[in-house]
Amino acid sequence: MHELRRKQKLPISLEQGWDFLSSPENLKKITPPHMGFEILSGFSGEKMYAGMIINYIVKPFPGVPMNWTTEITHVSEPNYFVDEQRFGPYTFWHHKHFIKEIPGGVEMEDLIHYKLPFGPIGKLVNALIVKHQLNGIFRYREKVLTEMFGKFE
């Protein structure tokens, strides 16, 4: 099992942070364009709720589209929500999204536990590719959110 933990502070209200993060429509905005991320499920202004199923196409490698289905399993507005992979590239994917109010804004924290298939080969692929790719996705997300909402001082 692998773990990835990322934190970011933004100079926005808890309500603004929750409104943005809990909208599936905003996922594409914070995913690098080279990932070819497309939501197949039709959402129009819906907020995440426990039991929500989201179907995506994502291209972890150029020209290699993969279907990915996640379920929102827990929601505690405006504090956190959890998405879990039901079908997709991982053997296991559990992603907790936390948001809390701090002086001057909010702190967002992502905690991901994941496992790749193929045992030792999956561990090697994680070390060589996946871990770096996931960190790159979160660096991109941090950059976009800072551009959208401003830098936390």
Protein backbone atom coordinates (compact mmCIF):
# COMPACT_ATOMS: atom_id res chain seq x y z
CA MET A 1 0.00 0.00 0.00
CA HIS A 2 1.28 3.45 -0.90
CA GLU A 3 0.37 6.77 0.69
CA LEU A 4 0.38 10.28 -0.70
CA ARG A 5 -0.39 13.28 1.51
CA ARG A 6 -0.60 16.85 0.22
CA LYS A 7 -1.64 20.10 1.89
CA GLN A 8 -2.40 23.53 0.47
CA LYS A 9 -3.55 26.76 2.08
CA LEU A 10 -5.73 29.24 0.22
CA PRO A 11 -6.98 32.72 1.18
CA ILE A 12 -10.68 31.86 0.78
CA SER A 13 -13.59 31.10 3.06
CA LEU A 14 -14.55 27.59 4.08
CA GLU A 15 -17.76 28.00 2.08
CA GLN A 16 -15.86 29.00 -1.09
CA GLY A 17 -13.47 26.08 -0.69
CA TRP A 18 -16.23 23.57 -0.12
CA ASP A 19 -18.34 24.89 -3.01
CA PHE A 20 -15.43 24.51 -5.42
CA LEU A 21 -14.04 21.18 -4.20
CA SER A 22 -17.39 19.41 -3.80
CA SER A 23 -18.43 20.04 -7.39
CA PRO A 24 -17.52 17.19 -9.77
CA GLU A 25 -17.60 19.69 -12.64
CA ASN A 26 -14.45 21.35 -11.25
CA LEU A 27 -12.30 18.20 -11.40
CA LYS A 28 -11.30 18.84 -15.00
CA LYS A 29 -10.15 22.39 -14.15
CA ILE A 30 -7.60 21.08 -11.65
CA THR A 31 -6.34 18.08 -13.66
CA PRO A 32 -3.42 18.57 -16.07
CA PRO A 33 -4.63 18.79 -19.70
CA HIS A 34 -2.21 16.05 -20.82
CA MET A 35 -4.20 13.58 -18.69
CA GLY A 36 -7.14 13.84 -21.13
CA PHE A 37 -9.54 13.84 -18.15
CA GLU A 38 -13.20 13.71 -19.14
CA ILE A 39 -16.18 13.10 -16.87
CA LEU A 40 -18.68 10.80 -18.57
CA SER A 41 -21.34 11.17 -15.89
CA GLY A 42 -23.66 14.12 -16.50
CA PHE A 43 -23.57 16.62 -13.65
CA SER A 44 -25.05 20.06 -13.74
CA GLY A 45 -24.47 22.02 -10.57
CA GLU A 46 -24.62 18.93 -8.34
CA LYS A 47 -22.54 18.73 -5.18
CA MET A 48 -20.92 15.50 -4.03
CA TYR A 49 -23.08 13.23 -1.93
CA ALA A 50 -22.53 9.80 -0.39
CA GLY A 51 -23.32 7.18 -3.02
CA MET A 52 -22.54 9.42 -6.01
CA ILE A 53 -20.94 7.45 -8.85
CA ILE A 54 -18.58 9.34 -11.16
CA ASN A 55 -17.35 7.82 -14.42
CA TYR A 56 -14.26 9.27 -16.10
CA ILE A 57 -11.85 8.69 -18.91
CA VAL A 58 -8.26 9.49 -18.04
CA LYS A 59 -5.06 9.02 -20.03
CA PRO A 60 -2.23 8.18 -17.65
CA PHE A 61 0.03 7.75 -20.70
CA PRO A 62 -0.34 9.55 -24.05
CA GLY A 63 -2.84 7.75 -26.27
CA VAL A 64 -3.83 5.25 -23.55
CA PRO A 65 -7.37 6.05 -22.39
CA MET A 66 -8.65 4.25 -19.30
CA ASN A 67 -12.11 4.14 -17.80
CA TRP A 68 -12.23 4.97 -14.12
CA THR A 69 -15.26 4.79 -11.84
CA THR A 70 -15.27 6.23 -8.35
CA GLU A 71 -17.90 6.33 -5.65
CA ILE A 72 -18.22 9.15 -3.14
CA THR A 73 -18.53 7.06 0.01
CA HIS A 74 -18.52 9.68 2.77
CA VAL A 75 -19.48 13.35 2.89
CA SER A 76 -19.39 15.63 5.92
CA GLU A 77 -20.13 19.13 4.62
CA PRO A 78 -18.06 21.33 4.76
CA ASN A 79 -15.25 19.25 6.33
CA TYR A 80 -14.43 16.30 4.09
CA PHE A 81 -15.46 13.79 1.48
CA VAL A 82 -14.01 10.45 0.40
CA ASP A 83 -13.81 8.93 -3.06
CA GLU A 84 -13.03 5.26 -3.65
CA GLN A 85 -12.28 3.59 -6.96
CA ARG A 86 -14.79 0.97 -7.99
CA PHE A 87 -13.26 0.21 -11.41
CA GLY A 88 -10.00 1.52 -12.82
CA PRO A 89 -6.24 1.29 -12.98
CA TYR A 90 -5.57 0.66 -9.29
CA THR A 91 -6.09 -2.44 -7.19
CA PHE A 92 -7.06 -0.07 -4.38
CA TRP A 93 -7.73 3.69 -4.31
CA HIS A 94 -9.06 5.57 -1.26
CA HIS A 95 -8.85 9.39 -1.39
CA LYS A 96 -9.84 11.58 1.56
CA HIS A 97 -10.34 15.31 0.86
CA PHE A 98 -10.24 17.42 4.03
CA ILE A 99 -10.87 21.15 4.28
CA LYS A 100 -10.68 23.23 7.42
CA GLU A 101 -10.84 26.87 8.30
CA ILE A 102 -7.60 28.46 9.47
CA PRO A 103 -6.75 32.09 10.22
CA GLY A 104 -6.75 33.91 6.87
CA GLY A 105 -8.31 31.13 4.82
CA VAL A 106 -8.56 27.37 4.53
CA GLU A 107 -6.20 24.42 4.57
CA MET A 108 -6.98 21.61 2.17
CA GLU A 109 -5.46 18.21 2.74
CA ASP A 110 -5.54 15.19 0.46
CA LEU A 111 -4.71 11.77 1.85
CA ILE A 112 -4.55 8.96 -0.68
CA HIS A 113 -3.92 5.30 -0.06
CA TYR A 114 -3.44 3.27 -3.22
CA LYS A 115 -2.11 -0.01 -4.51
CA LEU A 116 -1.16 -1.01 -8.02
CA PRO A 117 -1.75 -4.44 -9.53
CA PHE A 118 0.98 -6.97 -10.41
CA GLY A 119 2.75 -7.23 -7.02
CA PRO A 120 6.48 -6.48 -7.26
CA ILE A 121 6.11 -5.14 -10.81
CA GLY A 122 3.43 -2.72 -9.56
CA LYS A 123 5.77 -1.54 -6.79
CA LEU A 124 8.49 -0.89 -9.35
CA VAL A 125 6.08 0.95 -11.66
CA ASN A 126 4.99 3.06 -8.69
CA ALA A 127 8.56 3.97 -7.81
CA LEU A 128 9.52 4.78 -11.40
CA ILE A 129 6.33 6.38 -12.76
CA VAL A 130 3.09 6.52 -10.76
CA LYS A 131 4.37 8.24 -7.60
CA HIS A 132 5.95 11.00 -9.70
CA GLN A 133 2.87 11.31 -11.90
CA LEU A 134 0.57 11.68 -8.87
CA ASN A 135 2.85 14.31 -7.33
CA GLY A 136 2.83 16.15 -10.68
CA ILE A 137 -0.96 16.14 -10.73
CA PHE A 138 -1.04 17.70 -7.26
CA ARG A 139 1.61 20.29 -8.15
CA TYR A 140 -0.57 21.27 -11.12
CA ARG A 141 -3.64 21.41 -8.87
CA GLU A 142 -1.81 23.65 -6.38
CA LYS A 143 -0.73 25.99 -9.19
CA VAL A 144 -4.23 26.25 -10.67
CA LEU A 145 -5.90 26.81 -7.30
CA THR A 146 -3.36 29.52 -6.42
CA GLU A 147 -4.00 31.20 -9.78
CA MET A 148 -7.77 31.01 -9.22
CA PHE A 149 -7.94 32.02 -5.55
CA GLY A 150 -4.64 33.76 -4.78
CA LYS A 151 -1.56 32.96 -2.78
CA PHE A 152 -1.91 32.32 0.95
CA GLU A 153 0.23 34.76 2.92
